[in-house]
Amino acid sequence: MTIRKEDIARIETVLDYHVGKDRHEKTKGEVMQVLMHRKRRFFFITALNILALVFFGYWFFSGITELPVWIFWILAMVFVLNLISVAWQKKQIDDAITYVGAGQAPSRNGS
């Protein structure tokens, strides 16, 4: 992936948020480690949301729960919106990993 100049400010903000404003004092390896940890966390969040959606869907469609239809669809919408948000955040993390991995981000010791 090629990083455009327009994307650098957004990626710097993502790095500040996920790694911290003191990230310039960390080595490239430490920054990558934090970003990879965050990326793995998003996989767990995605799995949890999918399980919750399947759980509520099964209970609703099998008739186990007595939730009104409109409540089920609101819950489903919330979970779907959450999945979209998580996917977007994961993409931002991937962009930041590419940016740091390409050596474009300043780091201590030139690592």
C-alpha atoms as a PDB file:
ATOM      1  CA  MET A   1       0.000   0.000   0.000  1.00  0.00           C
ATOM      2  CA  THR A   2       1.265   3.449  -0.878  1.00  0.00           C
ATOM      3  CA  ILE A   3       0.743   6.089   1.790  1.00  0.00           C
ATOM      4  CA  ARG A   4      -0.546   9.369   0.375  1.00  0.00           C
ATOM      5  CA  LYS A   5       0.275  12.705   1.964  1.00  0.00           C
ATOM      6  CA  GLU A   6      -3.406  13.202   2.758  1.00  0.00           C
ATOM      7  CA  ASP A   7      -3.402  10.017   4.822  1.00  0.00           C
ATOM      8  CA  ILE A   8      -0.360  10.824   6.955  1.00  0.00           C
ATOM      9  CA  ALA A   9      -2.192  13.178   9.342  1.00  0.00           C
ATOM     10  CA  ARG A  10      -4.955  10.594   9.866  1.00  0.00           C
ATOM     11  CA  ILE A  11      -2.421   7.821  10.461  1.00  0.00           C
ATOM     12  CA  GLU A  12      -0.447  10.003  12.888  1.00  0.00           C
ATOM     13  CA  THR A  13      -3.671  10.558  14.846  1.00  0.00           C
ATOM     14  CA  VAL A  14      -4.351   6.816  14.897  1.00  0.00           C
ATOM     15  CA  LEU A  15      -0.808   6.198  16.159  1.00  0.00           C
ATOM     16  CA  ASP A  16      -1.200   8.863  18.857  1.00  0.00           C
ATOM     17  CA  TYR A  17      -4.444   7.267  19.994  1.00  0.00           C
ATOM     18  CA  HIS A  18      -3.386   3.613  19.970  1.00  0.00           C
ATOM     19  CA  VAL A  19       0.321   3.860  20.840  1.00  0.00           C
ATOM     20  CA  GLY A  20       0.404   7.135  22.745  1.00  0.00           C
ATOM     21  CA  LYS A  21       1.826  10.573  22.226  1.00  0.00           C
ATOM     22  CA  ASP A  22       5.157   9.322  23.551  1.00  0.00           C
ATOM     23  CA  ARG A  23       5.457   6.884  20.629  1.00  0.00           C
ATOM     24  CA  HIS A  24       8.396   8.850  19.218  1.00  0.00           C
ATOM     25  CA  GLU A  25      10.395   7.699  22.253  1.00  0.00           C
ATOM     26  CA  LYS A  26       9.660   4.026  21.485  1.00  0.00           C
ATOM     27  CA  THR A  27      11.470   1.818  19.022  1.00  0.00           C
ATOM     28  CA  LYS A  28       9.799   0.738  15.821  1.00  0.00           C
ATOM     29  CA  GLY A  29       9.509  -2.794  17.247  1.00  0.00           C
ATOM     30  CA  GLU A  30       7.687  -1.563  20.355  1.00  0.00           C
ATOM     31  CA  VAL A  31       5.259   0.477  18.249  1.00  0.00           C
ATOM     32  CA  MET A  32       4.600  -2.521  15.977  1.00  0.00           C
ATOM     33  CA  GLN A  33       4.040  -4.741  19.011  1.00  0.00           C
ATOM     34  CA  VAL A  34       1.396  -2.374  20.399  1.00  0.00           C
ATOM     35  CA  LEU A  35      -0.323  -2.103  17.007  1.00  0.00           C
ATOM     36  CA  MET A  36      -0.351  -5.882  16.490  1.00  0.00           C
ATOM     37  CA  HIS A  37      -1.838  -6.334  19.975  1.00  0.00           C
ATOM     38  CA  ARG A  38      -4.592  -3.845  19.111  1.00  0.00           C
ATOM     39  CA  LYS A  39      -5.233  -5.614  15.801  1.00  0.00           C
ATOM     40  CA  ARG A  40      -5.628  -9.000  17.544  1.00  0.00           C
ATOM     41  CA  ARG A  41      -8.007  -7.406  20.021  1.00  0.00           C
ATOM     42  CA  PHE A  42     -10.263  -6.322  17.153  1.00  0.00           C
ATOM     43  CA  PHE A  43     -10.524  -9.960  16.006  1.00  0.00           C
ATOM     44  CA  PHE A  44     -11.814 -10.933  19.450  1.00  0.00           C
ATOM     45  CA  ILE A  45     -14.285  -8.044  19.477  1.00  0.00           C
ATOM     46  CA  THR A  46     -15.550  -9.071  16.039  1.00  0.00           C
ATOM     47  CA  ALA A  47     -15.980 -12.686  17.134  1.00  0.00           C
ATOM     48  CA  LEU A  48     -17.825 -11.608  20.273  1.00  0.00           C
ATOM     49  CA  ASN A  49     -20.224  -9.427  18.281  1.00  0.00           C
ATOM     50  CA  ILE A  50     -20.925 -12.199  15.768  1.00  0.00           C
ATOM     51  CA  LEU A  51     -21.566 -14.673  18.592  1.00  0.00           C
ATOM     52  CA  ALA A  52     -23.960 -12.249  20.269  1.00  0.00           C
ATOM     53  CA  LEU A  53     -25.808 -11.673  16.988  1.00  0.00           C
ATOM     54  CA  VAL A  54     -26.112 -15.430  16.366  1.00  0.00           C
ATOM     55  CA  PHE A  55     -27.172 -15.990  19.991  1.00  0.00           C
ATOM     56  CA  PHE A  56     -29.961 -13.400  19.900  1.00  0.00           C
ATOM     57  CA  GLY A  57     -30.991 -14.443  16.396  1.00  0.00           C
ATOM     58  CA  TYR A  58     -31.287 -18.101  17.395  1.00  0.00           C
ATOM     59  CA  TRP A  59     -33.282 -17.270  20.495  1.00  0.00           C
ATOM     60  CA  PHE A  60     -35.583 -14.980  18.547  1.00  0.00           C
ATOM     61  CA  PHE A  61     -36.213 -17.200  15.518  1.00  0.00           C
ATOM     62  CA  SER A  62     -36.571 -20.400  17.555  1.00  0.00           C
ATOM     63  CA  GLY A  63     -39.166 -18.739  19.786  1.00  0.00           C
ATOM     64  CA  ILE A  64     -37.202 -19.141  23.033  1.00  0.00           C
ATOM     65  CA  THR A  65     -37.434 -15.425  23.812  1.00  0.00           C
ATOM     66  CA  GLU A  66     -40.530 -13.296  23.899  1.00  0.00           C
ATOM     67  CA  LEU A  67     -38.885 -10.108  22.665  1.00  0.00           C
ATOM     68  CA  PRO A  68     -41.003  -7.986  20.388  1.00  0.00           C
ATOM     69  CA  VAL A  69     -39.835  -7.980  16.776  1.00  0.00           C
ATOM     70  CA  TRP A  70     -38.824  -4.319  16.864  1.00  0.00           C
ATOM     71  CA  ILE A  71     -36.486  -4.889  19.828  1.00  0.00           C
ATOM     72  CA  PHE A  72     -34.773  -7.763  18.016  1.00  0.00           C
ATOM     73  CA  TRP A  73     -34.198  -5.617  14.913  1.00  0.00           C
ATOM     74  CA  ILE A  74     -32.829  -2.758  17.011  1.00  0.00           C
ATOM     75  CA  LEU A  75     -30.407  -5.167  18.709  1.00  0.00           C
ATOM     76  CA  ALA A  76     -29.395  -6.613  15.341  1.00  0.00           C
ATOM     77  CA  MET A  77     -28.818  -3.104  13.950  1.00  0.00           C
ATOM     78  CA  VAL A  78     -26.637  -2.174  16.928  1.00  0.00           C
ATOM     79  CA  PHE A  79     -24.497  -5.286  16.487  1.00  0.00           C
ATOM     80  CA  VAL A  80     -24.144  -4.736  12.736  1.00  0.00           C
ATOM     81  CA  LEU A  81     -23.175  -1.084  13.242  1.00  0.00           C
ATOM     82  CA  ASN A  82     -20.662  -2.186  15.861  1.00  0.00           C
ATOM     83  CA  LEU A  83     -19.169  -4.707  13.405  1.00  0.00           C
ATOM     84  CA  ILE A  84     -18.850  -1.979  10.766  1.00  0.00           C
ATOM     85  CA  SER A  85     -17.147   0.301  13.296  1.00  0.00           C
ATOM     86  CA  VAL A  86     -14.717  -2.438  14.341  1.00  0.00           C
ATOM     87  CA  ALA A  87     -13.875  -3.225  10.702  1.00  0.00           C
ATOM     88  CA  TRP A  88     -13.176   0.464  10.029  1.00  0.00           C
ATOM     89  CA  GLN A  89     -10.938   0.730  13.103  1.00  0.00           C
ATOM     90  CA  LYS A  90      -9.089  -2.450  12.090  1.00  0.00           C
ATOM     91  CA  LYS A  91      -8.445  -0.923   8.666  1.00  0.00           C
ATOM     92  CA  GLN A  92      -6.979   2.151  10.363  1.00  0.00           C
ATOM     93  CA  ILE A  93      -4.694  -0.093  12.436  1.00  0.00           C
ATOM     94  CA  ASP A  94      -3.633  -1.929   9.263  1.00  0.00           C
ATOM     95  CA  ASP A  95      -2.789   1.413   7.617  1.00  0.00           C
ATOM     96  CA  ALA A  96      -0.755   2.431  10.673  1.00  0.00           C
ATOM     97  CA  ILE A  97       1.106  -0.907  10.631  1.00  0.00           C
ATOM     98  CA  THR A  98       1.931  -0.398   6.958  1.00  0.00           C
ATOM     99  CA  TYR A  99       3.072   3.163   7.669  1.00  0.00           C
ATOM    100  CA  VAL A 100       5.324   2.162  10.562  1.00  0.00           C
ATOM    101  CA  GLY A 101       6.529  -0.973   8.780  1.00  0.00           C
ATOM    102  CA  ALA A 102       7.555   1.052   5.735  1.00  0.00           C
ATOM    103  CA  GLY A 103       9.826   3.083   7.988  1.00  0.00           C
ATOM    104  CA  GLN A 104       7.984   6.310   7.320  1.00  0.00           C
ATOM    105  CA  ALA A 105       7.206   6.995  10.959  1.00  0.00           C
ATOM    106  CA  PRO A 106       9.963   8.635  12.991  1.00  0.00           C
ATOM    107  CA  SER A 107      11.350   6.430  15.716  1.00  0.00           C
ATOM    108  CA  ARG A 108      14.076   6.380  18.317  1.00  0.00           C
ATOM    109  CA  ASN A 109      17.398   4.801  17.334  1.00  0.00           C
ATOM    110  CA  GLY A 110      16.343   4.677  13.687  1.00  0.00           C
ATOM    111  CA  SER A 111      14.970   1.143  14.209  1.00  0.00           C
END
